[in-house]
Every structure is written in structure tokens, then in C-alpha cells.
């Protein structure tokens, strides 16, 4: 959540730099609608939750003592 809050407004700076690097021959309007922010935030959160559920079962089965012994 913190990454989304910080990343969404700070992402405009590299986006604008990328658009400015194209030169004057290409004119791309740099406008992102609020709906795009909402859709991207929902997508990122959904993928994050799915990955968390997928790996939570595997992580619960890990015997940390055996893992640490195997690293020696």
C-alpha cells in the first residue's frame, strides 16, 4: 500500500522524462486518468494477494532448522 501511495505520483516524473526523450518529432500527450490509477492499483493488489496465497502454504511447510543445517 505504501508503495502504491508513493509510486503513483512519483511515477509521473520518469514517465515525463521518457516522453521528453523522444524529441520534438513525436508528440505524445502525457495524461493519465484517475481510472487508470485505480485499475492499476487493483491489478497490483490482486496479483500480490494471489502470490501471497500461493506461497503461504509452501512457507508453512518449511522446516527452518533443516534449512539452516543444510546451509552449513
C-alpha atoms as a PDB file:
ATOM      1  CA  UNK A   1       0.000   0.000   0.000  1.00  0.00           C
ATOM      2  CA  UNK A   2       2.833   2.385   0.840  1.00  0.00           C
ATOM      3  CA  UNK A   3       4.478   1.592  -2.496  1.00  0.00           C
ATOM      4  CA  UNK A   4       1.302   2.456  -4.363  1.00  0.00           C
ATOM      5  CA  UNK A   5       0.825   5.683  -2.455  1.00  0.00           C
ATOM      6  CA  UNK A   6       4.399   6.798  -3.114  1.00  0.00           C
ATOM      7  CA  UNK A   7       4.827   5.216  -6.534  1.00  0.00           C
ATOM      8  CA  UNK A   8       1.803   6.537  -8.336  1.00  0.00           C
ATOM      9  CA  UNK A   9       2.611  10.240  -8.095  1.00  0.00           C
ATOM     10  CA  UNK A  10       6.381   9.700  -8.308  1.00  0.00           C
ATOM     11  CA  UNK A  11       5.924   7.587 -11.447  1.00  0.00           C
ATOM     12  CA  UNK A  12       4.927  10.687 -13.395  1.00  0.00           C
ATOM     13  CA  UNK A  13       8.491  12.030 -13.282  1.00  0.00           C
ATOM     14  CA  UNK A  14      10.130   9.109 -15.150  1.00  0.00           C
ATOM     15  CA  UNK A  15       7.145   8.917 -17.495  1.00  0.00           C
ATOM     16  CA  UNK A  16       7.549  12.577 -18.404  1.00  0.00           C
ATOM     17  CA  UNK A  17      11.322  12.130 -18.834  1.00  0.00           C
ATOM     18  CA  UNK A  18      10.725   9.178 -21.146  1.00  0.00           C
ATOM     19  CA  UNK A  19       8.234  11.144 -23.223  1.00  0.00           C
ATOM     20  CA  UNK A  20      10.570  14.156 -23.389  1.00  0.00           C
ATOM     21  CA  UNK A  21      13.448  11.986 -24.608  1.00  0.00           C
ATOM     22  CA  UNK A  22      11.580  11.238 -27.854  1.00  0.00           C
ATOM     23  CA  UNK A  23      12.400  14.686 -29.186  1.00  0.00           C
ATOM     24  CA  UNK A  24      10.212  17.164 -30.967  1.00  0.00           C
ATOM     25  CA  UNK A  25       9.317  14.830 -33.852  1.00  0.00           C
ATOM     26  CA  UNK A  26       6.972  12.760 -31.674  1.00  0.00           C
ATOM     27  CA  UNK A  27       4.237  14.421 -29.652  1.00  0.00           C
ATOM     28  CA  UNK A  28       2.680  12.170 -27.032  1.00  0.00           C
ATOM     29  CA  UNK A  29       0.178  13.653 -24.622  1.00  0.00           C
ATOM     30  CA  UNK A  30       1.134  12.661 -21.102  1.00  0.00           C
ATOM     31  CA  UNK A  31      -2.201  12.403 -19.344  1.00  0.00           C
ATOM     32  CA  UNK A  32      -3.171   9.552 -17.051  1.00  0.00           C
ATOM     33  CA  UNK A  33      -6.776   9.432 -15.937  1.00  0.00           C
ATOM     34  CA  UNK A  34      -7.739   8.633 -12.348  1.00  0.00           C
ATOM     35  CA  UNK A  35      -9.424   5.462 -13.624  1.00  0.00           C
ATOM     36  CA  UNK A  36      -6.027   4.231 -14.849  1.00  0.00           C
ATOM     37  CA  UNK A  37      -4.579   4.720 -11.361  1.00  0.00           C
ATOM     38  CA  UNK A  38      -7.458   2.790  -9.809  1.00  0.00           C
ATOM     39  CA  UNK A  39      -7.277  -0.086 -12.296  1.00  0.00           C
ATOM     40  CA  UNK A  40      -3.509  -0.416 -11.922  1.00  0.00           C
ATOM     41  CA  UNK A  41      -3.733  -0.352  -8.109  1.00  0.00           C
ATOM     42  CA  UNK A  42      -6.420  -3.049  -8.133  1.00  0.00           C
ATOM     43  CA  UNK A  43      -4.373  -5.187 -10.533  1.00  0.00           C
ATOM     44  CA  UNK A  44      -1.209  -4.916  -8.435  1.00  0.00           C
ATOM     45  CA  UNK A  45      -3.049  -5.698  -5.206  1.00  0.00           C
ATOM     46  CA  UNK A  46      -4.801  -8.695  -6.791  1.00  0.00           C
ATOM     47  CA  UNK A  47      -1.553 -10.172  -8.091  1.00  0.00           C
ATOM     48  CA  UNK A  48       0.118  -9.542  -4.740  1.00  0.00           C
ATOM     49  CA  UNK A  49      -2.637 -11.313  -2.807  1.00  0.00           C
ATOM     50  CA  UNK A  50      -2.651 -14.259  -5.228  1.00  0.00           C
ATOM     51  CA  UNK A  51       1.109 -14.725  -4.966  1.00  0.00           C
ATOM     52  CA  UNK A  52       0.893 -14.445  -1.200  1.00  0.00           C
ATOM     53  CA  UNK A  53      -1.742 -17.201  -1.063  1.00  0.00           C
ATOM     54  CA  UNK A  54       0.250 -19.417  -3.409  1.00  0.00           C
ATOM     55  CA  UNK A  55       3.443 -19.241  -1.366  1.00  0.00           C
ATOM     56  CA  UNK A  56       1.901 -19.159   2.118  1.00  0.00           C
ATOM     57  CA  UNK A  57       1.212 -22.896   2.022  1.00  0.00           C
ATOM     58  CA  UNK A  58       4.760 -23.689   0.944  1.00  0.00           C
ATOM     59  CA  UNK A  59       6.294 -21.403   3.539  1.00  0.00           C
ATOM     60  CA  UNK A  60       4.300 -23.043   6.345  1.00  0.00           C
ATOM     61  CA  UNK A  61       5.750 -26.449   5.383  1.00  0.00           C
ATOM     62  CA  UNK A  62       9.393 -25.316   5.529  1.00  0.00           C
ATOM     63  CA  UNK A  63      11.363 -26.674   8.469  1.00  0.00           C
ATOM     64  CA  UNK A  64      13.729 -23.796   9.224  1.00  0.00           C
ATOM     65  CA  UNK A  65      16.041 -25.946  11.359  1.00  0.00           C
ATOM     66  CA  UNK A  66      16.632 -28.303   8.436  1.00  0.00           C
ATOM     67  CA  UNK A  67      17.126 -25.403   6.040  1.00  0.00           C
ATOM     68  CA  UNK A  68      19.717 -23.783   8.297  1.00  0.00           C
ATOM     69  CA  UNK A  69      21.514 -27.109   8.834  1.00  0.00           C
ATOM     70  CA  UNK A  70      21.658 -27.613   5.073  1.00  0.00           C
ATOM     71  CA  UNK A  71      23.440 -24.282   4.603  1.00  0.00           C
ATOM     72  CA  UNK A  72      26.413 -25.351   6.729  1.00  0.00           C
END
